[in-house]
Structures are given as C-alpha cells and as structure tokens.
Amino acid sequence: MNGKIQVNSGDVSIIAVNVDGVANTSIPAKNSGKNFQKADCTNGATGSWDRSNWRFLLSGLTQTKTKCTLYFVTGQVTGEQSCENKMEDLLENDKNQVKPSLVSDDNNIRYIGSNPNNYVKFNNETWRIIGLMDGIQTKDHGTQRLLKIIREKLPTSLSWDSSVLSVNSGYGVNEWSQADLMTVLNGDYFYGRNGSDKCYNNYNETTTTCPDWTQVGLKTEAQNMVEEVTWNTGTSIGTESVWRAQNFTPQQYMWERSTNHGKQCSSSSSSCNDGVTRQTTWTGKVGLMYPSDYGYATDGGGDLMKRGQCLYTPLYSWDNSSYSYCKDNDWLFYSNNYQWTMTPAPDSSYASNMFLVCAKGFVSGYKASIAYAVRPVVYLKSSVKIIGGTGEEGSPFELKLE
C-alpha cells in the first residue's frame, strides 16, 4: 500500500479502502489529491489519519478481528473532520495569506496574531484553540497529535498554591503535581461538582469561596472529550538573573521539557524549606498554558520577520516599548490580567515562584500564593471531530465526540 497502518495485523482482520465511493485495493498515495474523510470500525474502535506521516491510527481497540473501512475523497474534505485534518487543511489554505493566522512551529500548528479565528464551542462556553500539538504522550493511546484548547477565564482569581507559614514562608510550593490549583482543576472543576476541594487566594493557606462548579465546571459531554496526557513541568537552568536574560526560543520551549525543576534555592532558608520532591512531568487532564504557548502566539503585527524578532527577544522584555508589537499582536495577552502558567520559575531565594504572563505583557516569576487569573487548558481526544463553524467569534468551531 501507499500508506501505512499503525496497528498489529492480528488485531485488525480487514482494512477496506473506499475512494470516491468506489472500493479500492490500496490507500491513495500522499499528495495524490485524495484526502482522508473518515474511518468506520467495528467493535467500538475509532480511527484517525496522521497526515504528516500518511498513516492510519487506531484507538479504542478492545477486541481482535476488528474491521475498519477507510474513506478517501478527491479534494478538500467538507463536513465532519478530525481535528488534525481540519487544522492541516486550514494551515494549507492560510499559507498564501498576506497576514497568516496559522504557522507550523516544531511540527506544532499554532494560531497566531491579535485575534485569529480560533474560537471553539466547548462545554457550551467559548474556548480558543492554541494549536495542534505533536508528540503528545497519552495515558492509554500512545503518542498522538492532539488539539490543545484554552478557556477564556474562570470567573475568579486563585492562588497557584498556598502553604502554612512554616512551609516556604506560606508562599506555596512550585510543584504542579501537588499544587492547590491542580487539585481543584482536576477535581471539582473537571467533574462539575461542589465537593471538598478548597480554593485559595493568599499566603498561609488563606481560603476563598470557590465558584459554583456545577455551573462553571465541565459537563459530562466535555469531560468525555478530554484526553489524559503527560504535561511538561520542567524549567530553565539557573535562577532569575539567568532566565531574565535568555532568549524565548528555542531555549524556553526546551526548558519546559527539561529535567530541571523549580527548586534551585537553599533549603536552609525559611522560604525554601518545603521538602517536596519535584517532578518534571505530570499526567492528568487539566493544566495551564506554558510560557512558550504565549510566546509563540504573536504574529509581530502580521510581519513574520518581526515575529522572528519577538521569538528571539526575552519574554521578560516584552513590556519594553521597543517590542510592543509582540504583546499587542498576541491573542493570549490580556492587558488587565496576570495569568498563571504551569512552569516553575527558579529563584535563588524562593521555592514558590511560578512563571506568569503579566498585565504589561512580559513573563516573570511570582509567588504561587498570589491570586491571579486562571485559564484551564485541555487536550482533546483524537476521536473528537470538528463538525461545523468557521472559528470566528460569532461562529465558533463545533465539536462532536465519536
């Protein structure tokens, strides 16, 4: 065949191929003008098409002797599409635009600019697409390309983490796997329940009233669309003076995927005595954006050369008037809000500092106990399809779980 089947031959008894309504003996070659439309599989299995590597990916296989029929059509696919195919098509159609709204960075397709058409209806709310991210390790389905989306904002500001005064002076611990915000986002928020998860908004474990999670939390349909994945919680080498001076890319993107952790201070200090073992990955469903997500989202005002200058300007310097075109043309920037990320900010004195996007547009480290804007981020399962909408604010993409 001209394509590949990413399954064991003993698992799938028959792969039937249909091209333009006619049975075929082989998968069409890449760049033949034929595009994958859908896959119909028995025994509850689902399939998607990896366009970059031109291969079929099978999910949810629980029984042997499963049969799948792959459908291909000539030209652009309309109607229901996998998120991956939809993003690939949008990128292809966007390439010749004077002011592009999609780019491919490190094989990740990202939306860029001050207000791209990346609106999506999820949980009956307005979310936005960060991009189609490559190499995402899922808990049950191997490595996949998955759509990453972000909520506009929760109707409250919360601490990233808080602690009693005897632990890091009450400023919290910069380890996501045990953070207060991780607990509430993957607990009461994810399940849309008013349970026992506490909300914090200051140091020394100062609590605040949680939102009504039955109203603003995820509903069952949305829960079922979310994939459980491995998130990166690594950070930069060195302390504040180092990361302030370093370029955004490729260093920051790689920092997030590094084996460096957020506690790089002395445990003899009262602000660095938590005793918590740091991890550089975490597996779960709801996280936050990375600093790199924010940085990559600029288009430099529609000028790709200026975008390149933004990417090689330290994020800490983005509030400088000389680089105003970076933040002003970045849809993840909010001029009235500080926004938490999930990446620790190493400091020589504190084991509580986390990176956040500041209201002036730069990225810096702040104590985890301060209450700032929370924007939940999730990855959608590969079986989620885009079934309508244009991505505009008034016509968000509509989703359906097969």
Protein backbone atom coordinates (compact mmCIF):
# COMPACT_ATOMS: atom_id res chain seq x y z
CA MET A 1 0.00 0.00 0.00
CA ASN A 2 1.00 3.62 -0.45
CA GLY A 3 0.09 4.44 3.16
CA LYS A 4 0.70 2.75 6.49
CA ILE A 5 -1.48 1.00 9.05
CA GLN A 6 -0.28 1.70 12.60
CA VAL A 7 -1.76 -1.48 14.16
CA ASN A 8 -0.83 -5.13 14.50
CA SER A 9 -2.13 -7.33 11.71
CA GLY A 10 -3.61 -9.75 14.24
CA ASP A 11 -5.74 -7.01 15.77
CA VAL A 12 -7.48 -5.88 12.59
CA SER A 13 -8.73 -8.57 10.26
CA ILE A 14 -9.76 -6.34 7.36
CA ILE A 15 -8.79 -2.87 6.19
CA ALA A 16 -11.16 -1.91 3.41
CA VAL A 17 -10.45 1.19 1.35
CA ASN A 18 -13.07 3.31 -0.40
CA VAL A 19 -12.00 6.13 -2.74
CA ASP A 20 -14.68 8.50 -4.07
CA GLY A 21 -17.34 5.89 -3.34
CA VAL A 22 -15.52 3.05 -5.11
CA ALA A 23 -13.81 0.12 -3.38
CA ASN A 24 -10.04 0.19 -3.81
CA THR A 25 -7.24 -2.25 -3.15
CA SER A 26 -4.77 0.30 -1.78
CA ILE A 27 -4.54 3.52 0.20
CA PRO A 28 -4.06 6.56 -2.09
CA ALA A 29 -0.56 7.99 -2.17
CA LYS A 30 0.24 11.19 -0.32
CA ASN A 31 -0.16 14.33 -2.49
CA SER A 32 -2.38 12.37 -4.90
CA GLY A 33 -5.23 14.82 -4.36
CA LYS A 34 -7.12 12.28 -2.28
CA ASN A 35 -7.90 13.20 1.32
CA PHE A 36 -8.96 11.05 4.23
CA GLN A 37 -12.61 11.56 5.09
CA LYS A 38 -13.48 9.12 7.86
CA ALA A 39 -13.00 5.61 9.24
CA ASP A 40 -15.78 3.19 10.17
CA CYS A 41 -14.61 0.47 12.56
CA THR A 42 -16.42 -2.36 14.30
CA ASN A 43 -16.23 -3.35 17.98
CA GLY A 44 -16.30 0.26 19.16
CA ALA A 45 -12.85 1.11 17.79
CA THR A 46 -12.17 4.53 16.26
CA GLY A 47 -9.62 5.63 13.70
CA SER A 48 -7.88 8.83 12.64
CA TRP A 49 -5.43 9.77 9.92
CA ASP A 50 -1.95 11.12 10.57
CA ARG A 51 -1.49 13.32 7.52
CA SER A 52 2.13 14.21 8.24
CA ASN A 53 3.24 10.57 8.21
CA TRP A 54 0.37 9.42 5.96
CA ARG A 55 -0.80 6.59 8.16
CA PHE A 56 -3.91 5.27 9.88
CA LEU A 57 -4.07 5.37 13.71
CA LEU A 58 -6.46 3.10 15.58
CA SER A 59 -7.83 3.91 19.05
CA GLY A 60 -10.09 2.12 21.50
CA LEU A 61 -9.21 -1.40 20.28
CA THR A 62 -10.59 -3.92 22.80
CA GLN A 63 -11.29 -6.94 20.57
CA THR A 64 -9.44 -8.84 17.88
CA LYS A 65 -10.89 -9.33 14.40
CA THR A 66 -11.90 -5.70 14.17
CA LYS A 67 -12.81 -4.43 10.71
CA CYS A 68 -12.14 -0.86 9.55
CA THR A 69 -13.17 0.82 6.32
CA LEU A 70 -11.19 3.90 5.34
CA TYR A 71 -12.88 6.51 3.15
CA PHE A 72 -10.96 8.91 0.91
CA VAL A 73 -12.33 11.64 -1.37
CA THR A 74 -10.90 13.93 -4.05
CA GLY A 75 -10.18 17.48 -2.96
CA GLN A 76 -10.80 19.19 0.36
CA VAL A 77 -12.92 17.31 2.85
CA THR A 78 -16.07 19.10 4.00
CA GLY A 79 -18.41 18.38 6.87
CA GLU A 80 -17.14 16.36 9.79
CA GLN A 81 -13.35 16.20 10.08
CA SER A 82 -10.89 15.06 12.66
CA CYS A 83 -9.27 17.98 14.45
CA GLU A 84 -5.94 17.02 12.88
CA ASN A 85 -7.28 17.03 9.32
CA LYS A 86 -9.16 20.28 9.90
CA MET A 87 -6.06 22.05 11.19
CA GLU A 88 -3.95 20.71 8.33
CA ASP A 89 -6.49 21.99 5.80
CA LEU A 90 -6.72 25.38 7.50
CA LEU A 91 -2.94 25.70 7.51
CA GLU A 92 -2.74 24.79 3.82
CA ASN A 93 -5.41 27.35 2.91
CA ASP A 94 -3.76 30.00 5.11
CA LYS A 95 -0.25 29.73 3.68
CA ASN A 96 -0.71 32.32 0.95
CA GLN A 97 -2.35 34.95 3.15
CA VAL A 98 -0.57 38.31 3.43
CA LYS A 99 -1.15 38.15 7.19
CA PRO A 100 -1.15 34.47 8.18
CA SER A 101 -3.08 33.32 11.25
CA LEU A 102 -1.56 29.82 11.41
CA VAL A 103 2.06 28.73 11.46
CA SER A 104 3.88 25.44 11.87
CA ASP A 105 6.48 25.61 14.65
CA ASP A 106 8.36 22.41 15.59
CA ASN A 107 5.65 20.45 13.79
CA ASN A 108 3.04 22.13 16.01
CA ILE A 109 0.37 24.09 14.14
CA ARG A 110 -0.36 27.21 16.16
CA TYR A 111 -2.77 30.12 15.88
CA ILE A 112 -1.02 33.50 15.93
CA GLY A 113 -2.00 37.16 15.89
CA SER A 114 -4.11 39.54 17.95
CA ASN A 115 -7.44 37.85 17.20
CA PRO A 116 -7.27 34.80 14.90
CA ASN A 117 -10.32 32.73 14.06
CA ASN A 118 -9.62 30.06 16.66
CA TYR A 119 -12.82 30.18 18.69
CA VAL A 120 -14.33 26.85 19.63
CA LYS A 121 -17.52 25.89 21.46
CA PHE A 122 -16.59 23.54 24.28
CA ASN A 123 -18.61 22.82 27.43
CA ASN A 124 -21.19 25.21 25.93
CA GLU A 125 -18.66 28.01 26.52
CA THR A 126 -16.17 30.00 24.48
CA TRP A 127 -12.71 28.42 24.40
CA ARG A 128 -9.89 29.05 21.94
CA ILE A 129 -7.52 26.73 20.10
CA ILE A 130 -3.84 27.09 21.00
CA GLY A 131 -2.90 24.64 18.28
CA LEU A 132 -2.47 21.09 17.07
CA MET A 133 0.39 19.77 19.17
CA ASP A 134 2.71 17.00 18.05
CA GLY A 135 4.17 14.17 20.11
CA ILE A 136 1.70 14.31 22.99
CA GLN A 137 2.02 11.22 25.18
CA THR A 138 -1.40 9.99 26.26
CA LYS A 139 -2.09 7.71 29.20
CA ASP A 140 -3.78 4.97 27.15
CA HIS A 141 -3.31 5.62 23.42
CA GLY A 142 0.39 6.20 22.86
CA THR A 143 1.81 9.33 21.25
CA GLN A 144 -0.59 11.44 19.20
CA ARG A 145 -1.15 14.86 17.63
CA LEU A 146 -3.87 16.49 19.70
CA LEU A 147 -5.79 19.74 19.70
CA LYS A 148 -4.93 21.97 22.66
CA ILE A 149 -7.57 24.47 23.78
CA ILE A 150 -7.80 27.15 26.48
CA ARG A 151 -10.78 28.66 28.30
CA GLU A 152 -11.26 32.40 28.19
CA LYS A 153 -11.01 32.73 32.00
CA LEU A 154 -12.54 31.34 35.17
CA PRO A 155 -14.83 33.85 36.93
CA THR A 156 -12.36 34.20 39.80
CA SER A 157 -8.67 34.63 40.59
CA LEU A 158 -6.93 31.92 42.61
CA SER A 159 -3.59 31.08 44.15
CA TRP A 160 -1.49 28.62 42.18
CA ASP A 161 -0.57 27.12 45.53
CA SER A 162 -0.53 28.20 49.17
CA SER A 163 1.10 26.81 52.30
CA VAL A 164 1.23 27.33 56.05
CA LEU A 165 3.72 29.89 57.33
CA SER A 166 6.22 27.23 58.38
CA VAL A 167 6.50 25.98 54.76
CA ASN A 168 8.21 28.35 52.31
CA SER A 169 7.03 31.28 54.49
CA GLY A 170 3.46 30.49 53.46
CA TYR A 171 4.01 31.35 49.80
CA GLY A 172 3.25 27.87 48.44
CA VAL A 173 5.26 25.18 46.67
CA ASN A 174 6.09 25.40 42.95
CA GLU A 175 5.36 21.72 42.19
CA TRP A 176 2.30 21.16 39.98
CA SER A 177 1.64 17.54 40.96
CA GLN A 178 0.59 18.63 44.46
CA ALA A 179 -0.47 22.24 43.82
CA ASP A 180 -3.79 23.51 45.16
CA LEU A 181 -4.76 24.75 41.71
CA MET A 182 -4.01 21.37 40.11
CA THR A 183 -6.23 19.69 42.71
CA VAL A 184 -9.24 21.90 42.15
CA LEU A 185 -8.93 21.96 38.34
CA ASN A 186 -8.69 18.17 38.09
CA GLY A 187 -11.22 17.62 40.88
CA ASP A 188 -14.32 19.72 41.44
CA TYR A 189 -13.82 21.84 38.30
CA PHE A 190 -13.32 18.87 35.95
CA TYR A 191 -16.25 16.91 37.38
CA GLY A 192 -18.55 19.93 37.71
CA ARG A 193 -19.30 19.28 41.37
CA ASN A 194 -19.21 21.25 44.59
CA GLY A 195 -17.14 18.86 46.65
CA SER A 196 -14.35 19.18 49.17
CA ASP A 197 -11.63 20.88 47.07
CA LYS A 198 -10.65 24.20 48.61
CA CYS A 199 -9.86 27.42 46.78
CA TYR A 200 -7.05 29.69 47.98
CA ASN A 201 -6.31 33.34 47.28
CA ASN A 202 -3.38 34.31 49.52
CA TYR A 203 -0.41 33.08 51.52
CA ASN A 204 -0.68 30.97 54.73
CA GLU A 205 -3.48 28.88 53.17
CA THR A 206 -5.98 31.72 53.12
CA THR A 207 -9.17 30.29 51.61
CA THR A 208 -11.77 31.96 49.44
CA THR A 209 -15.21 30.93 48.25
CA CYS A 210 -14.95 28.66 45.21
CA PRO A 211 -17.13 29.36 42.17
CA ASP A 212 -20.23 27.22 41.75
CA TRP A 213 -18.52 24.38 39.90
CA THR A 214 -21.87 22.86 38.92
CA GLN A 215 -22.34 25.97 36.76
CA VAL A 216 -18.82 26.78 35.51
CA GLY A 217 -17.20 23.35 35.73
CA LEU A 218 -17.08 20.79 32.94
CA LYS A 219 -20.21 18.87 31.99
CA THR A 220 -20.20 15.16 31.14
CA GLU A 221 -20.01 15.70 27.37
CA ALA A 222 -16.93 17.91 27.73
CA GLN A 223 -15.32 15.55 30.26
CA ASN A 224 -15.58 12.72 27.75
CA MET A 225 -13.74 14.79 25.12
CA VAL A 226 -10.65 15.41 27.27
CA GLU A 227 -7.57 13.21 26.87
CA GLU A 228 -5.37 12.36 29.85
CA VAL A 229 -1.83 13.26 28.81
CA THR A 230 1.69 13.85 30.08
CA TRP A 231 2.39 17.54 30.68
CA ASN A 232 5.87 19.02 30.94
CA THR A 233 6.74 20.78 34.19
CA GLY A 234 10.46 21.34 33.69
CA THR A 235 12.04 24.77 33.73
CA SER A 236 15.20 26.76 32.97
CA ILE A 237 18.73 26.25 34.15
CA GLY A 238 19.87 28.72 36.78
CA THR A 239 17.97 31.36 38.71
CA GLU A 240 16.10 34.57 37.99
CA SER A 241 19.07 36.54 36.67
CA VAL A 242 19.67 33.77 34.12
CA TRP A 243 16.19 33.31 32.71
CA ARG A 244 15.52 37.05 32.53
CA ALA A 245 18.38 37.42 30.08
CA GLN A 246 17.77 34.31 27.98
CA ASN A 247 16.01 34.22 24.64
CA PHE A 248 12.48 32.84 24.38
CA THR A 249 13.06 30.26 21.71
CA PRO A 250 14.33 27.67 21.34
CA GLN A 251 15.52 27.81 24.96
CA GLN A 252 12.17 28.36 26.71
CA TYR A 253 10.33 25.67 24.73
CA MET A 254 13.09 23.21 25.59
CA TRP A 255 13.27 24.39 29.22
CA GLU A 256 9.67 23.31 29.72
CA ARG A 257 10.68 19.84 28.51
CA SER A 258 13.90 19.72 30.51
CA THR A 259 14.89 17.77 33.61
CA ASN A 260 15.43 20.99 35.58
CA HIS A 261 12.93 21.66 38.35
CA GLY A 262 11.73 24.74 40.19
CA LYS A 263 13.56 24.35 43.49
CA GLN A 264 17.01 25.80 42.94
CA CYS A 265 17.43 27.57 46.27
CA SER A 266 18.89 26.54 49.61
CA SER A 267 16.70 24.53 51.98
CA SER A 268 18.26 26.41 54.91
CA SER A 269 16.08 29.42 54.03
CA SER A 270 12.58 29.71 55.54
CA SER A 271 11.33 30.45 52.02
CA CYS A 272 12.87 27.27 50.63
CA ASN A 273 12.17 24.53 53.18
CA ASP A 274 9.21 22.59 51.78
CA GLY A 275 10.89 19.17 51.40
CA VAL A 276 8.68 18.32 48.39
CA THR A 277 10.27 16.17 45.68
CA ARG A 278 9.96 17.97 42.32
CA GLN A 279 8.81 16.25 39.12
CA THR A 280 9.38 17.43 35.55
CA THR A 281 6.34 15.67 34.08
CA TRP A 282 2.79 15.16 35.30
CA THR A 283 -0.04 13.05 33.89
CA GLY A 284 -3.53 14.47 34.10
CA LYS A 285 -6.38 16.16 32.26
CA VAL A 286 -6.46 19.87 33.09
CA GLY A 287 -3.42 22.11 33.09
CA LEU A 288 -2.46 25.67 32.20
CA MET A 289 -0.66 27.25 29.28
CA TYR A 290 3.11 27.22 29.02
CA PRO A 291 5.15 30.43 28.65
CA SER A 292 6.04 29.13 25.18
CA ASP A 293 2.34 28.98 24.23
CA TYR A 294 2.13 32.68 24.96
CA GLY A 295 5.36 33.50 23.14
CA TYR A 296 4.56 31.53 20.00
CA ALA A 297 1.08 33.14 19.73
CA THR A 298 2.38 36.51 18.49
CA ASP A 299 2.49 37.35 14.79
CA GLY A 300 4.53 40.54 15.22
CA GLY A 301 1.76 42.57 13.64
CA GLY A 302 1.45 40.40 10.55
CA ASP A 303 5.15 40.67 9.74
CA LEU A 304 6.87 37.29 10.00
CA MET A 305 10.26 39.00 10.27
CA LYS A 306 9.03 40.92 13.31
CA ARG A 307 7.55 37.71 14.68
CA GLY A 308 11.00 36.19 14.43
CA GLN A 309 12.39 39.15 16.37
CA CYS A 310 9.76 38.57 19.07
CA LEU A 311 10.71 34.93 19.38
CA TYR A 312 14.35 35.84 19.94
CA THR A 313 13.57 38.60 22.42
CA PRO A 314 13.44 37.51 26.08
CA LEU A 315 9.82 37.22 27.24
CA TYR A 316 10.83 39.19 30.30
CA SER A 317 11.49 42.19 27.99
CA TRP A 318 8.17 42.16 26.12
CA ASP A 319 6.88 45.17 28.10
CA ASN A 320 9.62 47.29 26.54
CA SER A 321 8.14 49.86 24.16
CA SER A 322 10.63 48.76 21.52
CA TYR A 323 8.85 45.38 21.38
CA SER A 324 5.23 46.45 21.86
CA TYR A 325 4.31 44.76 18.57
CA CYS A 326 5.00 41.39 20.25
CA LYS A 327 2.41 41.52 23.05
CA ASP A 328 -0.04 43.76 21.18
CA ASN A 329 -0.35 41.12 18.46
CA ASP A 330 -0.64 38.11 20.75
CA TRP A 331 -4.16 36.77 21.33
CA LEU A 332 -3.16 35.18 24.67
CA PHE A 333 -2.26 38.59 26.13
CA TYR A 334 -4.77 40.33 28.41
CA SER A 335 -3.84 43.90 29.33
CA ASN A 336 -5.89 43.83 32.55
CA ASN A 337 -4.92 40.42 33.90
CA TYR A 338 -1.99 38.48 35.24
CA GLN A 339 -2.28 34.87 34.02
CA TRP A 340 -0.81 31.77 35.63
CA THR A 341 1.23 29.27 33.63
CA MET A 342 2.23 25.79 34.82
CA THR A 343 6.01 26.34 34.57
CA PRO A 344 8.05 26.99 37.73
CA ALA A 345 10.35 30.00 37.87
CA PRO A 346 13.64 29.05 39.58
CA ASP A 347 14.87 31.54 42.14
CA SER A 348 17.87 31.65 44.46
CA SER A 349 15.71 32.59 47.45
CA TYR A 350 12.22 31.15 46.91
CA ALA A 351 10.82 27.66 46.20
CA SER A 352 7.38 29.10 45.48
CA ASN A 353 7.83 31.18 42.34
CA MET A 354 5.89 30.40 39.15
CA PHE A 355 6.01 31.98 35.71
CA LEU A 356 3.01 34.08 34.75
CA VAL A 357 2.07 36.40 31.92
CA CYS A 358 1.88 39.87 33.40
CA ALA A 359 -0.67 42.57 32.61
CA LYS A 360 2.04 44.59 30.85
CA GLY A 361 2.85 41.70 28.51
CA PHE A 362 6.08 40.32 29.91
CA VAL A 363 6.64 36.95 31.60
CA SER A 364 8.16 36.81 35.06
CA GLY A 365 8.19 34.79 38.27
CA TYR A 366 5.80 35.49 41.14
CA LYS A 367 4.95 33.76 44.41
CA ALA A 368 2.45 30.93 43.90
CA SER A 369 0.18 32.13 46.72
CA ILE A 370 -0.89 35.33 44.94
CA ALA A 371 -4.36 35.17 43.36
CA TYR A 372 -4.23 35.64 39.59
CA ALA A 373 -6.36 34.73 36.57
CA VAL A 374 -6.80 31.02 35.87
CA ARG A 375 -7.31 29.78 32.29
CA PRO A 376 -7.82 25.99 32.20
CA VAL A 377 -6.16 24.15 29.29
CA VAL A 378 -7.03 20.67 27.97
CA TYR A 379 -6.07 18.38 25.09
CA LEU A 380 -8.96 16.88 23.11
CA LYS A 381 -9.12 13.20 22.23
CA SER A 382 -8.23 12.28 18.66
CA SER A 383 -11.78 10.93 18.23
CA VAL A 384 -13.20 14.45 18.61
CA LYS A 385 -14.28 15.93 15.28
CA ILE A 386 -14.99 19.46 14.10
CA ILE A 387 -18.46 19.34 12.59
CA GLY A 388 -19.18 23.00 11.86
CA GLY A 389 -18.36 26.64 12.41
CA THR A 390 -15.70 28.87 10.89
CA GLY A 391 -13.70 29.61 14.02
CA GLU A 392 -14.85 33.22 14.10
CA GLU A 393 -16.08 34.60 17.41
CA GLY A 394 -19.65 34.62 16.14
CA SER A 395 -19.30 31.18 14.53
CA PRO A 396 -17.03 29.06 16.77
CA PHE A 397 -15.95 25.60 15.69
CA GLU A 398 -18.43 22.95 16.84
CA LEU A 399 -17.19 19.66 18.26
CA LYS A 400 -18.50 16.12 18.33
CA LEU A 401 -17.13 13.03 20.06
CA GLU A 402 -17.41 9.86 18.01
